[in-house]
C-alpha atoms as a PDB file:
ATOM      1  CA  UNK A   1     147.961 177.062 135.337  1.00  0.00           C
ATOM      2  CA  UNK A   2     147.661 177.024 131.656  1.00  0.00           C
ATOM      3  CA  UNK A   3     150.665 174.767 129.995  1.00  0.00           C
ATOM      4  CA  UNK A   4     152.864 176.773 127.561  1.00  0.00           C
ATOM      5  CA  UNK A   5     150.818 175.243 124.262  1.00  0.00           C
ATOM      6  CA  UNK A   6     147.575 176.355 126.018  1.00  0.00           C
ATOM      7  CA  UNK A   7     149.584 180.005 126.745  1.00  0.00           C
ATOM      8  CA  UNK A   8     150.668 179.985 123.385  1.00  0.00           C
ATOM      9  CA  UNK A   9     147.041 179.234 121.873  1.00  0.00           C
ATOM     10  CA  UNK A  10     145.299 181.789 124.180  1.00  0.00           C
ATOM     11  CA  UNK A  11     147.521 184.402 123.100  1.00  0.00           C
ATOM     12  CA  UNK A  12     147.019 183.568 119.560  1.00  0.00           C
ATOM     13  CA  UNK A  13     143.617 183.780 119.975  1.00  0.00           C
ATOM     14  CA  UNK A  14     143.589 187.278 122.315  1.00  0.00           C
ATOM     15  CA  UNK A  15     145.639 188.731 119.250  1.00  0.00           C
ATOM     16  CA  UNK A  16     142.378 188.284 116.866  1.00  0.00           C
ATOM     17  CA  UNK A  17     140.457 191.124 119.239  1.00  0.00           C
ATOM     18  CA  UNK A  18     136.864 190.546 119.575  1.00  0.00           C
ATOM     19  CA  UNK A  19     135.068 188.291 117.497  1.00  0.00           C
ATOM     20  CA  UNK A  20     131.662 190.011 117.821  1.00  0.00           C
ATOM     21  CA  UNK A  21     133.234 193.835 117.072  1.00  0.00           C
ATOM     22  CA  UNK A  22     135.217 191.900 114.203  1.00  0.00           C
ATOM     23  CA  UNK A  23     132.511 190.718 112.746  1.00  0.00           C
ATOM     24  CA  UNK A  24     131.030 194.461 113.107  1.00  0.00           C
ATOM     25  CA  UNK A  25     133.910 195.428 110.700  1.00  0.00           C
ATOM     26  CA  UNK A  26     136.061 196.854 114.125  1.00  0.00           C
ATOM     27  CA  UNK A  27     139.168 194.552 113.732  1.00  0.00           C
ATOM     28  CA  UNK A  28     141.334 196.552 116.685  1.00  0.00           C
ATOM     29  CA  UNK A  29     139.406 195.879 120.086  1.00  0.00           C
ATOM     30  CA  UNK A  30     140.554 194.700 123.580  1.00  0.00           C
ATOM     31  CA  UNK A  31     139.891 191.250 124.556  1.00  0.00           C
ATOM     32  CA  UNK A  32     139.358 189.558 127.385  1.00  0.00           C
ATOM     33  CA  UNK A  33     139.463 185.838 126.842  1.00  0.00           C
ATOM     34  CA  UNK A  34     135.812 183.789 127.429  1.00  0.00           C
ATOM     35  CA  UNK A  35     135.946 180.266 128.569  1.00  0.00           C
ATOM     36  CA  UNK A  36     132.725 178.927 126.279  1.00  0.00           C
ATOM     37  CA  UNK A  37     130.644 176.990 128.726  1.00  0.00           C
ATOM     38  CA  UNK A  38     129.568 173.869 127.882  1.00  0.00           C
ATOM     39  CA  UNK A  39     126.199 172.841 129.577  1.00  0.00           C
ATOM     40  CA  UNK A  40     127.911 172.200 133.169  1.00  0.00           C
ATOM     41  CA  UNK A  41     127.196 174.461 135.555  1.00  0.00           C
ATOM     42  CA  UNK A  42     130.249 176.817 136.783  1.00  0.00           C
ATOM     43  CA  UNK A  43     132.331 174.438 134.809  1.00  0.00           C
ATOM     44  CA  UNK A  44     134.717 176.185 132.391  1.00  0.00           C
ATOM     45  CA  UNK A  45     136.030 174.865 129.417  1.00  0.00           C
ATOM     46  CA  UNK A  46     139.696 174.124 128.322  1.00  0.00           C
ATOM     47  CA  UNK A  47     142.126 176.600 127.482  1.00  0.00           C
ATOM     48  CA  UNK A  48     141.698 175.547 124.005  1.00  0.00           C
ATOM     49  CA  UNK A  49     137.945 176.484 124.016  1.00  0.00           C
ATOM     50  CA  UNK A  50     138.009 180.159 124.073  1.00  0.00           C
ATOM     51  CA  UNK A  51     136.849 183.257 122.323  1.00  0.00           C
ATOM     52  CA  UNK A  52     138.233 186.581 122.787  1.00  0.00           C
ATOM     53  CA  UNK A  53     135.229 189.372 123.545  1.00  0.00           C
ATOM     54  CA  UNK A  54     135.858 193.015 124.316  1.00  0.00           C
ATOM     55  CA  UNK A  55     134.583 193.528 127.813  1.00  0.00           C
ATOM     56  CA  UNK A  56     130.944 195.342 126.417  1.00  0.00           C
ATOM     57  CA  UNK A  57     130.638 192.038 124.612  1.00  0.00           C
ATOM     58  CA  UNK A  58     132.211 189.860 127.522  1.00  0.00           C
ATOM     59  CA  UNK A  59     130.807 191.203 131.004  1.00  0.00           C
ATOM     60  CA  UNK A  60     129.485 194.757 130.762  1.00  0.00           C
ATOM     61  CA  UNK A  61     126.471 195.913 129.136  1.00  0.00           C
ATOM     62  CA  UNK A  62     123.210 194.214 128.163  1.00  0.00           C
ATOM     63  CA  UNK A  63     125.084 193.049 124.616  1.00  0.00           C
ATOM     64  CA  UNK A  64     127.629 191.133 127.027  1.00  0.00           C
ATOM     65  CA  UNK A  65     127.769 187.221 127.736  1.00  0.00           C
ATOM     66  CA  UNK A  66     127.877 187.713 131.453  1.00  0.00           C
ATOM     67  CA  UNK A  67     124.499 189.789 131.241  1.00  0.00           C
ATOM     68  CA  UNK A  68     122.451 187.189 129.283  1.00  0.00           C
ATOM     69  CA  UNK A  69     123.483 184.448 127.528  1.00  0.00           C
ATOM     70  CA  UNK A  70     120.351 184.174 125.956  1.00  0.00           C
ATOM     71  CA  UNK A  71     120.602 187.444 124.395  1.00  0.00           C
ATOM     72  CA  UNK A  72     124.035 187.119 123.481  1.00  0.00           C
ATOM     73  CA  UNK A  73     123.082 183.476 121.734  1.00  0.00           C
ATOM     74  CA  UNK A  74     120.317 185.236 119.926  1.00  0.00           C
ATOM     75  CA  UNK A  75     122.290 188.433 118.823  1.00  0.00           C
ATOM     76  CA  UNK A  76     125.179 186.433 117.948  1.00  0.00           C
ATOM     77  CA  UNK A  77     125.022 182.964 117.610  1.00  0.00           C
ATOM     78  CA  UNK A  78     126.260 179.874 119.925  1.00  0.00           C
ATOM     79  CA  UNK A  79     129.596 180.155 121.795  1.00  0.00           C
ATOM     80  CA  UNK A  80     130.534 177.008 119.705  1.00  0.00           C
ATOM     81  CA  UNK A  81     129.792 179.104 116.277  1.00  0.00           C
ATOM     82  CA  UNK A  82     131.666 181.648 117.110  1.00  0.00           C
ATOM     83  CA  UNK A  83     134.442 179.592 118.392  1.00  0.00           C
ATOM     84  CA  UNK A  84     134.717 178.203 114.865  1.00  0.00           C
ATOM     85  CA  UNK A  85     135.515 181.216 113.730  1.00  0.00           C
ATOM     86  CA  UNK A  86     138.342 182.140 115.974  1.00  0.00           C
ATOM     87  CA  UNK A  87     139.828 178.445 115.490  1.00  0.00           C
ATOM     88  CA  UNK A  88     139.574 179.297 111.605  1.00  0.00           C
ATOM     89  CA  UNK A  89     141.289 182.683 112.076  1.00  0.00           C
ATOM     90  CA  UNK A  90     144.401 180.663 114.315  1.00  0.00           C
ATOM     91  CA  UNK A  91     144.236 177.826 111.744  1.00  0.00           C
ATOM     92  CA  UNK A  92     144.701 180.536 109.260  1.00  0.00           C
ATOM     93  CA  UNK A  93     147.571 182.505 110.531  1.00  0.00           C
ATOM     94  CA  UNK A  94     149.495 179.344 111.588  1.00  0.00           C
ATOM     95  CA  UNK A  95     149.390 178.424 108.444  1.00  0.00           C
ATOM     96  CA  UNK A  96     150.335 181.245 106.971  1.00  0.00           C
END
């Protein structure tokens, strides 16, 4: 169960909308939070290491992370790079 601090962070991330859709110029999109995979099979990352993805880019369709992590990475970059973009957005909104 996430702590209040983790929940607040995840709410901020979710408010961004799908990071992939955002990169494509669509800033309003539904969001599911994806805990980035850190190389440990079946082990989910911290609640602070989440990226917002719409269902199409998260789990439904051939462009989704869960359909093919390899193809997702080739097309959109690493989860870590996407996380950096999202954290920059969250920090910018916290500061402003």
